[in-house]
Amino acid sequence: MQQQTTFRFAASGTTPARLEIFDLAGRRVAPIAEAIPADGIIRMIEWSRGDLADGVYFARLSAGDQVATRKPCCAAEIVQSRRVG
């Protein structure tokens, strides 16, 4: 399994966005990016899973009360773009 995943997204609104990774038990295993500007610009963020075991993980993009969750998030998966805000 590859060690790296690319996240592509755009956040808009008044609240900065946050991108996080969770395991199947709902535990946050990796904060990817905090305080992402909610300016509507499409961003690409690379994430290396490091020491995490092979498996299924969920990516959650949140901005204020808006939340988008994608699965599966494995090292070889790409999370499709989603506008939040």
C-alpha atoms as a PDB file:
ATOM      1  CA  MET A   1       0.000   0.000   0.000  1.00  0.00           C
ATOM      2  CA  GLN A   2       1.256   3.468  -0.813  1.00  0.00           C
ATOM      3  CA  GLN A   3       2.339   5.728   2.001  1.00  0.00           C
ATOM      4  CA  GLN A   4       0.833   8.977   0.704  1.00  0.00           C
ATOM      5  CA  THR A   5      -2.632  10.350  -0.115  1.00  0.00           C
ATOM      6  CA  THR A   6      -3.598  13.604  -1.803  1.00  0.00           C
ATOM      7  CA  PHE A   7      -6.615  15.545  -0.537  1.00  0.00           C
ATOM      8  CA  ARG A   8      -8.229  18.012  -2.944  1.00  0.00           C
ATOM      9  CA  PHE A   9     -10.915  20.378  -1.656  1.00  0.00           C
ATOM     10  CA  ALA A  10     -12.203  23.922  -1.488  1.00  0.00           C
ATOM     11  CA  ALA A  11     -13.674  25.558   1.603  1.00  0.00           C
ATOM     12  CA  SER A  12     -15.794  28.667   1.545  1.00  0.00           C
ATOM     13  CA  GLY A  13     -17.658  30.660   4.162  1.00  0.00           C
ATOM     14  CA  THR A  14     -16.584  32.692   7.155  1.00  0.00           C
ATOM     15  CA  THR A  15     -14.998  29.984   9.321  1.00  0.00           C
ATOM     16  CA  PRO A  16     -11.550  28.484   8.613  1.00  0.00           C
ATOM     17  CA  ALA A  17     -11.631  24.773   7.743  1.00  0.00           C
ATOM     18  CA  ARG A  18      -9.902  21.787   9.348  1.00  0.00           C
ATOM     19  CA  LEU A  19      -8.873  18.467   7.747  1.00  0.00           C
ATOM     20  CA  GLU A  20      -8.453  15.416  10.017  1.00  0.00           C
ATOM     21  CA  ILE A  21      -8.055  11.631   9.719  1.00  0.00           C
ATOM     22  CA  PHE A  22     -10.028   9.162  11.866  1.00  0.00           C
ATOM     23  CA  ASP A  23      -9.840   5.397  12.258  1.00  0.00           C
ATOM     24  CA  LEU A  24     -12.825   3.009  12.199  1.00  0.00           C
ATOM     25  CA  ALA A  25     -13.314   3.430  15.952  1.00  0.00           C
ATOM     26  CA  GLY A  26     -13.771   7.194  15.492  1.00  0.00           C
ATOM     27  CA  ARG A  27     -10.444   8.161  17.063  1.00  0.00           C
ATOM     28  CA  ARG A  28      -8.621  11.101  15.513  1.00  0.00           C
ATOM     29  CA  VAL A  29      -5.325   9.624  14.360  1.00  0.00           C
ATOM     30  CA  ALA A  30      -3.899  12.547  12.400  1.00  0.00           C
ATOM     31  CA  PRO A  31      -4.626  16.241  12.219  1.00  0.00           C
ATOM     32  CA  ILE A  32      -3.748  17.178   8.628  1.00  0.00           C
ATOM     33  CA  ALA A  33      -4.354  20.902   8.466  1.00  0.00           C
ATOM     34  CA  GLU A  34      -5.834  23.472  10.828  1.00  0.00           C
ATOM     35  CA  ALA A  35      -7.089  26.991  10.094  1.00  0.00           C
ATOM     36  CA  ILE A  36      -7.352  26.486   6.329  1.00  0.00           C
ATOM     37  CA  PRO A  37      -8.575  29.760   4.778  1.00  0.00           C
ATOM     38  CA  ALA A  38     -12.219  29.510   3.681  1.00  0.00           C
ATOM     39  CA  ASP A  39     -11.622  31.477   0.505  1.00  0.00           C
ATOM     40  CA  GLY A  40     -13.043  29.037  -2.073  1.00  0.00           C
ATOM     41  CA  ILE A  41      -9.624  28.281  -3.580  1.00  0.00           C
ATOM     42  CA  ILE A  42      -9.099  24.609  -4.457  1.00  0.00           C
ATOM     43  CA  ARG A  43      -6.285  23.242  -2.328  1.00  0.00           C
ATOM     44  CA  MET A  44      -4.280  20.033  -2.517  1.00  0.00           C
ATOM     45  CA  ILE A  45      -2.718  18.681   0.654  1.00  0.00           C
ATOM     46  CA  GLU A  46      -0.418  15.656   0.742  1.00  0.00           C
ATOM     47  CA  TRP A  47      -0.608  13.311   3.715  1.00  0.00           C
ATOM     48  CA  SER A  48       1.840  10.550   4.549  1.00  0.00           C
ATOM     49  CA  ARG A  49       0.374   7.909   6.845  1.00  0.00           C
ATOM     50  CA  GLY A  50       3.708   7.388   8.558  1.00  0.00           C
ATOM     51  CA  ASP A  51       3.476   4.644  11.198  1.00  0.00           C
ATOM     52  CA  LEU A  52      -0.266   4.023  10.861  1.00  0.00           C
ATOM     53  CA  ALA A  53      -1.184   0.420  10.077  1.00  0.00           C
ATOM     54  CA  ASP A  54      -2.705  -0.585   6.753  1.00  0.00           C
ATOM     55  CA  GLY A  55      -6.463  -0.184   6.924  1.00  0.00           C
ATOM     56  CA  VAL A  56      -9.425   2.040   6.298  1.00  0.00           C
ATOM     57  CA  TYR A  57      -9.414   5.604   7.567  1.00  0.00           C
ATOM     58  CA  PHE A  58     -11.909   8.436   7.221  1.00  0.00           C
ATOM     59  CA  ALA A  59     -11.053  11.972   6.171  1.00  0.00           C
ATOM     60  CA  ARG A  60     -13.172  14.734   7.712  1.00  0.00           C
ATOM     61  CA  LEU A  61     -13.213  18.292   6.410  1.00  0.00           C
ATOM     62  CA  SER A  62     -15.036  20.699   8.701  1.00  0.00           C
ATOM     63  CA  ALA A  63     -15.711  24.434   8.697  1.00  0.00           C
ATOM     64  CA  GLY A  64     -17.994  25.797  11.404  1.00  0.00           C
ATOM     65  CA  ASP A  65     -21.118  23.599  11.467  1.00  0.00           C
ATOM     66  CA  GLN A  66     -20.431  22.176   7.973  1.00  0.00           C
ATOM     67  CA  VAL A  67     -18.792  18.727   7.891  1.00  0.00           C
ATOM     68  CA  ALA A  68     -17.870  16.455   4.973  1.00  0.00           C
ATOM     69  CA  THR A  69     -16.617  12.921   5.638  1.00  0.00           C
ATOM     70  CA  ARG A  70     -15.230  10.577   3.012  1.00  0.00           C
ATOM     71  CA  LYS A  71     -14.399   6.888   3.176  1.00  0.00           C
ATOM     72  CA  PRO A  72     -12.434   4.868   2.581  1.00  0.00           C
ATOM     73  CA  CYS A  73      -9.309   6.878   3.100  1.00  0.00           C
ATOM     74  CA  CYS A  74      -6.424   4.555   2.563  1.00  0.00           C
ATOM     75  CA  ALA A  75      -2.964   5.515   1.453  1.00  0.00           C
ATOM     76  CA  ALA A  76      -3.798   4.879  -2.211  1.00  0.00           C
ATOM     77  CA  GLU A  77      -7.185   6.654  -2.235  1.00  0.00           C
ATOM     78  CA  ILE A  78      -7.853  10.214  -3.342  1.00  0.00           C
ATOM     79  CA  VAL A  79     -10.632  12.117  -1.610  1.00  0.00           C
ATOM     80  CA  GLN A  80     -12.716  13.855  -4.272  1.00  0.00           C
ATOM     81  CA  SER A  81     -13.181  17.593  -4.101  1.00  0.00           C
ATOM     82  CA  ARG A  82     -16.033  18.862  -1.978  1.00  0.00           C
ATOM     83  CA  ARG A  83     -17.052  22.456  -1.305  1.00  0.00           C
ATOM     84  CA  VAL A  84     -17.768  23.138   2.366  1.00  0.00           C
ATOM     85  CA  GLY A  85     -19.418  26.351   3.495  1.00  0.00           C
END
